[in-house]
Amino acid sequence: MKKLFFIIAISFALPNCFFAQTKANTETIFAKSYDYVNDFEKILSPKQIQDLNTTLKAGEGKTDYKIMIITTASIAPYNDISEYSLALDKHLVTNLNINTSILIVISKKMRQIQVQGVNKLRNKITDKEIETIVTTFVVPELKKGDYNKGLENGVSEIIKKLG
């Protein structure tokens, strides 16, 4: 009788172990702390990071909107940079209590950029205006390999629009 009970218990438990689906834990995917500029891909020099941090901090003081830049070589386990940006933004708000108005995620390795803004900015700057800023001021510099100048130009233009 004990053997029969043991076999039945195992038959119910094993399938759950083998077929359980686990969702990636955002706490292990994303960093535990963030600044204005987070160069995880190591494409900027320390001086460039410091200068961008200064620009973004001054911009926040001027406009009351926080802009954050993230560089990353990988978006795994996410399928696209947009999905990654949404999850990162949610992680920042939920787990770290950081409310960004604009989140810029860029990957040199994947050759992609995503600029994500919150809905409350729509009356100040539209998605079309952000797209124009990225294509006019950021992308040309990225194509030249000057990521710092591209980000600096883009951020300056966004701050002008928000100010």
C-alpha atoms as a PDB file:
ATOM      1  CA  MET A   1       0.000   0.000   0.000  1.00  0.00           C
ATOM      2  CA  LYS A   2       2.862   2.395   0.833  1.00  0.00           C
ATOM      3  CA  LYS A   3       4.525   1.615  -2.500  1.00  0.00           C
ATOM      4  CA  LEU A   4       1.301   2.311  -4.393  1.00  0.00           C
ATOM      5  CA  PHE A   5       0.848   5.642  -2.599  1.00  0.00           C
ATOM      6  CA  PHE A   6       4.492   6.560  -3.308  1.00  0.00           C
ATOM      7  CA  ILE A   7       4.132   5.742  -7.031  1.00  0.00           C
ATOM      8  CA  ILE A   8       0.941   7.803  -7.318  1.00  0.00           C
ATOM      9  CA  ALA A   9       2.532  10.758  -5.499  1.00  0.00           C
ATOM     10  CA  ILE A  10       5.606  10.658  -7.755  1.00  0.00           C
ATOM     11  CA  SER A  11       3.487  10.412 -10.902  1.00  0.00           C
ATOM     12  CA  PHE A  12       1.702  13.625  -9.960  1.00  0.00           C
ATOM     13  CA  ALA A  13       4.838  15.509  -8.909  1.00  0.00           C
ATOM     14  CA  LEU A  14       7.243  14.646 -11.737  1.00  0.00           C
ATOM     15  CA  PRO A  15       5.316  16.160 -14.654  1.00  0.00           C
ATOM     16  CA  ASN A  16       5.162  19.464 -12.796  1.00  0.00           C
ATOM     17  CA  CYS A  17       8.938  19.454 -12.378  1.00  0.00           C
ATOM     18  CA  PHE A  18       9.633  18.642 -16.018  1.00  0.00           C
ATOM     19  CA  PHE A  19       7.052  20.864 -17.665  1.00  0.00           C
ATOM     20  CA  ALA A  20       6.943  23.862 -15.353  1.00  0.00           C
ATOM     21  CA  GLN A  21       7.349  27.114 -17.227  1.00  0.00           C
ATOM     22  CA  THR A  22       9.372  29.749 -15.521  1.00  0.00           C
ATOM     23  CA  LYS A  23       9.317  33.403 -16.390  1.00  0.00           C
ATOM     24  CA  ALA A  24      12.618  35.260 -16.387  1.00  0.00           C
ATOM     25  CA  ASN A  25      13.069  37.201 -13.186  1.00  0.00           C
ATOM     26  CA  THR A  26      13.625  40.888 -13.976  1.00  0.00           C
ATOM     27  CA  GLU A  27      15.750  41.273 -10.856  1.00  0.00           C
ATOM     28  CA  THR A  28      18.402  39.020 -12.403  1.00  0.00           C
ATOM     29  CA  ILE A  29      18.165  40.588 -15.875  1.00  0.00           C
ATOM     30  CA  PHE A  30      18.380  44.253 -14.930  1.00  0.00           C
ATOM     31  CA  ALA A  31      20.916  46.017 -12.719  1.00  0.00           C
ATOM     32  CA  LYS A  32      20.128  46.852  -9.109  1.00  0.00           C
ATOM     33  CA  SER A  33      20.893  50.571  -9.436  1.00  0.00           C
ATOM     34  CA  TYR A  34      20.814  53.137 -12.207  1.00  0.00           C
ATOM     35  CA  ASP A  35      22.148  56.641 -12.833  1.00  0.00           C
ATOM     36  CA  TYR A  36      21.283  59.077 -15.624  1.00  0.00           C
ATOM     37  CA  VAL A  37      23.728  57.273 -17.953  1.00  0.00           C
ATOM     38  CA  ASN A  38      24.211  53.513 -17.660  1.00  0.00           C
ATOM     39  CA  ASP A  39      26.839  52.293 -20.108  1.00  0.00           C
ATOM     40  CA  PHE A  40      26.575  48.518 -19.751  1.00  0.00           C
ATOM     41  CA  GLU A  41      27.922  48.038 -23.288  1.00  0.00           C
ATOM     42  CA  LYS A  42      31.029  50.136 -22.521  1.00  0.00           C
ATOM     43  CA  ILE A  43      30.772  52.374 -25.595  1.00  0.00           C
ATOM     44  CA  LEU A  44      31.399  55.663 -23.768  1.00  0.00           C
ATOM     45  CA  SER A  45      34.469  56.907 -21.914  1.00  0.00           C
ATOM     46  CA  PRO A  46      34.192  57.853 -18.218  1.00  0.00           C
ATOM     47  CA  LYS A  47      34.500  61.556 -19.191  1.00  0.00           C
ATOM     48  CA  GLN A  48      31.690  61.202 -21.755  1.00  0.00           C
ATOM     49  CA  ILE A  49      29.484  59.496 -19.162  1.00  0.00           C
ATOM     50  CA  GLN A  50      30.216  62.283 -16.676  1.00  0.00           C
ATOM     51  CA  ASP A  51      29.391  64.972 -19.267  1.00  0.00           C
ATOM     52  CA  LEU A  52      26.137  63.251 -20.279  1.00  0.00           C
ATOM     53  CA  ASN A  53      25.193  62.814 -16.602  1.00  0.00           C
ATOM     54  CA  THR A  54      25.758  66.548 -16.069  1.00  0.00           C
ATOM     55  CA  THR A  55      23.637  67.429 -19.121  1.00  0.00           C
ATOM     56  CA  LEU A  56      20.807  65.112 -18.058  1.00  0.00           C
ATOM     57  CA  LYS A  57      20.840  66.308 -14.451  1.00  0.00           C
ATOM     58  CA  ALA A  58      20.746  69.958 -15.570  1.00  0.00           C
ATOM     59  CA  GLY A  59      17.960  69.091 -18.009  1.00  0.00           C
ATOM     60  CA  GLU A  60      15.920  67.512 -15.226  1.00  0.00           C
ATOM     61  CA  GLY A  61      16.406  70.625 -13.097  1.00  0.00           C
ATOM     62  CA  LYS A  62      15.268  72.825 -15.981  1.00  0.00           C
ATOM     63  CA  THR A  63      12.294  70.756 -17.185  1.00  0.00           C
ATOM     64  CA  ASP A  64      11.329  68.525 -14.214  1.00  0.00           C
ATOM     65  CA  TYR A  65      11.517  65.516 -16.564  1.00  0.00           C
ATOM     66  CA  LYS A  66      14.024  62.726 -15.949  1.00  0.00           C
ATOM     67  CA  ILE A  67      15.805  61.345 -19.013  1.00  0.00           C
ATOM     68  CA  MET A  68      17.804  58.140 -18.629  1.00  0.00           C
ATOM     69  CA  ILE A  69      20.214  56.481 -21.091  1.00  0.00           C
ATOM     70  CA  ILE A  70      20.938  52.744 -21.060  1.00  0.00           C
ATOM     71  CA  THR A  71      23.434  51.027 -23.367  1.00  0.00           C
ATOM     72  CA  THR A  72      23.221  47.257 -23.614  1.00  0.00           C
ATOM     73  CA  ALA A  73      24.791  44.566 -25.772  1.00  0.00           C
ATOM     74  CA  SER A  74      21.983  42.081 -25.130  1.00  0.00           C
ATOM     75  CA  ILE A  75      18.239  42.223 -24.617  1.00  0.00           C
ATOM     76  CA  ALA A  76      17.874  38.526 -23.756  1.00  0.00           C
ATOM     77  CA  PRO A  77      15.422  37.018 -22.851  1.00  0.00           C
ATOM     78  CA  TYR A  78      13.333  39.635 -24.687  1.00  0.00           C
ATOM     79  CA  ASN A  79      12.625  39.406 -28.412  1.00  0.00           C
ATOM     80  CA  ASP A  80      13.008  43.043 -29.395  1.00  0.00           C
ATOM     81  CA  ILE A  81      14.352  46.271 -27.979  1.00  0.00           C
ATOM     82  CA  SER A  82      10.867  47.734 -27.557  1.00  0.00           C
ATOM     83  CA  GLU A  83       9.801  44.829 -25.337  1.00  0.00           C
ATOM     84  CA  TYR A  84      13.073  45.134 -23.389  1.00  0.00           C
ATOM     85  CA  SER A  85      12.539  48.895 -22.899  1.00  0.00           C
ATOM     86  CA  LEU A  86       9.006  48.409 -21.592  1.00  0.00           C
ATOM     87  CA  ALA A  87      10.158  45.741 -19.134  1.00  0.00           C
ATOM     88  CA  LEU A  88      13.104  47.887 -18.012  1.00  0.00           C
ATOM     89  CA  ASP A  89      10.849  50.901 -17.484  1.00  0.00           C
ATOM     90  CA  LYS A  90       8.450  48.771 -15.441  1.00  0.00           C
ATOM     91  CA  HIS A  91      11.395  47.402 -13.410  1.00  0.00           C
ATOM     92  CA  LEU A  92      12.697  50.918 -12.722  1.00  0.00           C
ATOM     93  CA  VAL A  93       9.316  52.112 -11.459  1.00  0.00           C
ATOM     94  CA  THR A  94       8.269  48.971  -9.582  1.00  0.00           C
ATOM     95  CA  ASN A  95      11.505  47.716  -8.040  1.00  0.00           C
ATOM     96  CA  LEU A  96      13.745  50.793  -7.829  1.00  0.00           C
ATOM     97  CA  ASN A  97      11.143  53.577  -7.529  1.00  0.00           C
ATOM     98  CA  ILE A  98      12.734  55.507 -10.416  1.00  0.00           C
ATOM     99  CA  ASN A  99      10.223  57.377 -12.562  1.00  0.00           C
ATOM    100  CA  THR A 100      11.773  58.249 -15.890  1.00  0.00           C
ATOM    101  CA  SER A 101       9.980  60.539 -18.296  1.00  0.00           C
ATOM    102  CA  ILE A 102      12.099  59.433 -21.246  1.00  0.00           C
ATOM    103  CA  LEU A 103      14.104  56.222 -21.412  1.00  0.00           C
ATOM    104  CA  ILE A 104      16.704  55.886 -24.176  1.00  0.00           C
ATOM    105  CA  VAL A 105      17.933  52.329 -24.755  1.00  0.00           C
ATOM    106  CA  ILE A 106      20.709  51.894 -27.293  1.00  0.00           C
ATOM    107  CA  SER A 107      22.714  48.906 -28.465  1.00  0.00           C
ATOM    108  CA  LYS A 108      25.800  49.300 -30.616  1.00  0.00           C
ATOM    109  CA  LYS A 109      26.089  45.540 -31.086  1.00  0.00           C
ATOM    110  CA  MET A 110      22.482  45.166 -32.285  1.00  0.00           C
ATOM    111  CA  ARG A 111      22.505  48.549 -34.072  1.00  0.00           C
ATOM    112  CA  GLN A 112      19.204  49.579 -32.488  1.00  0.00           C
ATOM    113  CA  ILE A 113      17.854  52.480 -30.477  1.00  0.00           C
ATOM    114  CA  GLN A 114      14.562  52.824 -28.625  1.00  0.00           C
ATOM    115  CA  VAL A 115      13.295  56.065 -27.107  1.00  0.00           C
ATOM    116  CA  GLN A 116      10.375  55.588 -24.791  1.00  0.00           C
ATOM    117  CA  GLY A 117       8.383  58.409 -23.256  1.00  0.00           C
ATOM    118  CA  VAL A 118       5.536  58.488 -20.778  1.00  0.00           C
ATOM    119  CA  ASN A 119       2.042  59.543 -21.821  1.00  0.00           C
ATOM    120  CA  LYS A 120       2.112  62.732 -19.738  1.00  0.00           C
ATOM    121  CA  LEU A 121       4.737  64.133 -22.156  1.00  0.00           C
ATOM    122  CA  ARG A 122       2.493  63.894 -25.235  1.00  0.00           C
ATOM    123  CA  ASN A 123       1.435  67.554 -24.926  1.00  0.00           C
ATOM    124  CA  LYS A 124       5.110  68.650 -24.750  1.00  0.00           C
ATOM    125  CA  ILE A 125       6.731  66.312 -27.278  1.00  0.00           C
ATOM    126  CA  THR A 126       5.076  63.823 -29.615  1.00  0.00           C
ATOM    127  CA  ASP A 127       6.329  60.447 -30.785  1.00  0.00           C
ATOM    128  CA  LYS A 128       6.806  61.963 -34.243  1.00  0.00           C
ATOM    129  CA  GLU A 129       8.984  64.755 -32.820  1.00  0.00           C
ATOM    130  CA  ILE A 130      11.084  62.209 -30.911  1.00  0.00           C
ATOM    131  CA  GLU A 131      11.440  60.154 -34.089  1.00  0.00           C
ATOM    132  CA  THR A 132      12.544  63.270 -35.989  1.00  0.00           C
ATOM    133  CA  ILE A 133      15.107  64.135 -33.302  1.00  0.00           C
ATOM    134  CA  VAL A 134      16.507  60.593 -33.380  1.00  0.00           C
ATOM    135  CA  THR A 135      16.729  60.422 -37.188  1.00  0.00           C
ATOM    136  CA  THR A 136      18.088  63.970 -37.579  1.00  0.00           C
ATOM    137  CA  PHE A 137      20.435  64.408 -34.617  1.00  0.00           C
ATOM    138  CA  VAL A 138      21.273  60.955 -33.231  1.00  0.00           C
ATOM    139  CA  VAL A 139      21.430  58.412 -36.062  1.00  0.00           C
ATOM    140  CA  PRO A 140      23.857  60.372 -38.314  1.00  0.00           C
ATOM    141  CA  GLU A 141      26.397  60.505 -35.472  1.00  0.00           C
ATOM    142  CA  LEU A 142      25.842  56.846 -34.597  1.00  0.00           C
ATOM    143  CA  LYS A 143      26.582  55.923 -38.208  1.00  0.00           C
ATOM    144  CA  LYS A 144      29.898  57.778 -37.878  1.00  0.00           C
ATOM    145  CA  GLY A 145      30.620  55.798 -34.704  1.00  0.00           C
ATOM    146  CA  ASP A 146      30.359  58.843 -32.424  1.00  0.00           C
ATOM    147  CA  TYR A 147      27.853  57.556 -29.879  1.00  0.00           C
ATOM    148  CA  ASN A 148      28.604  60.308 -27.389  1.00  0.00           C
ATOM    149  CA  LYS A 149      27.917  63.123 -29.854  1.00  0.00           C
ATOM    150  CA  GLY A 150      24.755  61.412 -31.084  1.00  0.00           C
ATOM    151  CA  LEU A 151      23.403  60.977 -27.574  1.00  0.00           C
ATOM    152  CA  GLU A 152      24.469  64.486 -26.528  1.00  0.00           C
ATOM    153  CA  ASN A 153      22.771  66.018 -29.599  1.00  0.00           C
ATOM    154  CA  GLY A 154      19.601  63.990 -29.111  1.00  0.00           C
ATOM    155  CA  VAL A 155      19.330  64.716 -25.413  1.00  0.00           C
ATOM    156  CA  SER A 156      19.942  68.444 -25.959  1.00  0.00           C
ATOM    157  CA  GLU A 157      17.173  68.598 -28.566  1.00  0.00           C
ATOM    158  CA  ILE A 158      14.738  66.700 -26.337  1.00  0.00           C
ATOM    159  CA  ILE A 159      15.514  69.037 -23.420  1.00  0.00           C
ATOM    160  CA  LYS A 160      14.909  72.064 -25.704  1.00  0.00           C
ATOM    161  CA  LYS A 161      11.499  70.659 -26.670  1.00  0.00           C
ATOM    162  CA  LEU A 162      10.563  69.941 -23.058  1.00  0.00           C
ATOM    163  CA  GLY A 163      11.788  73.312 -21.760  1.00  0.00           C
END
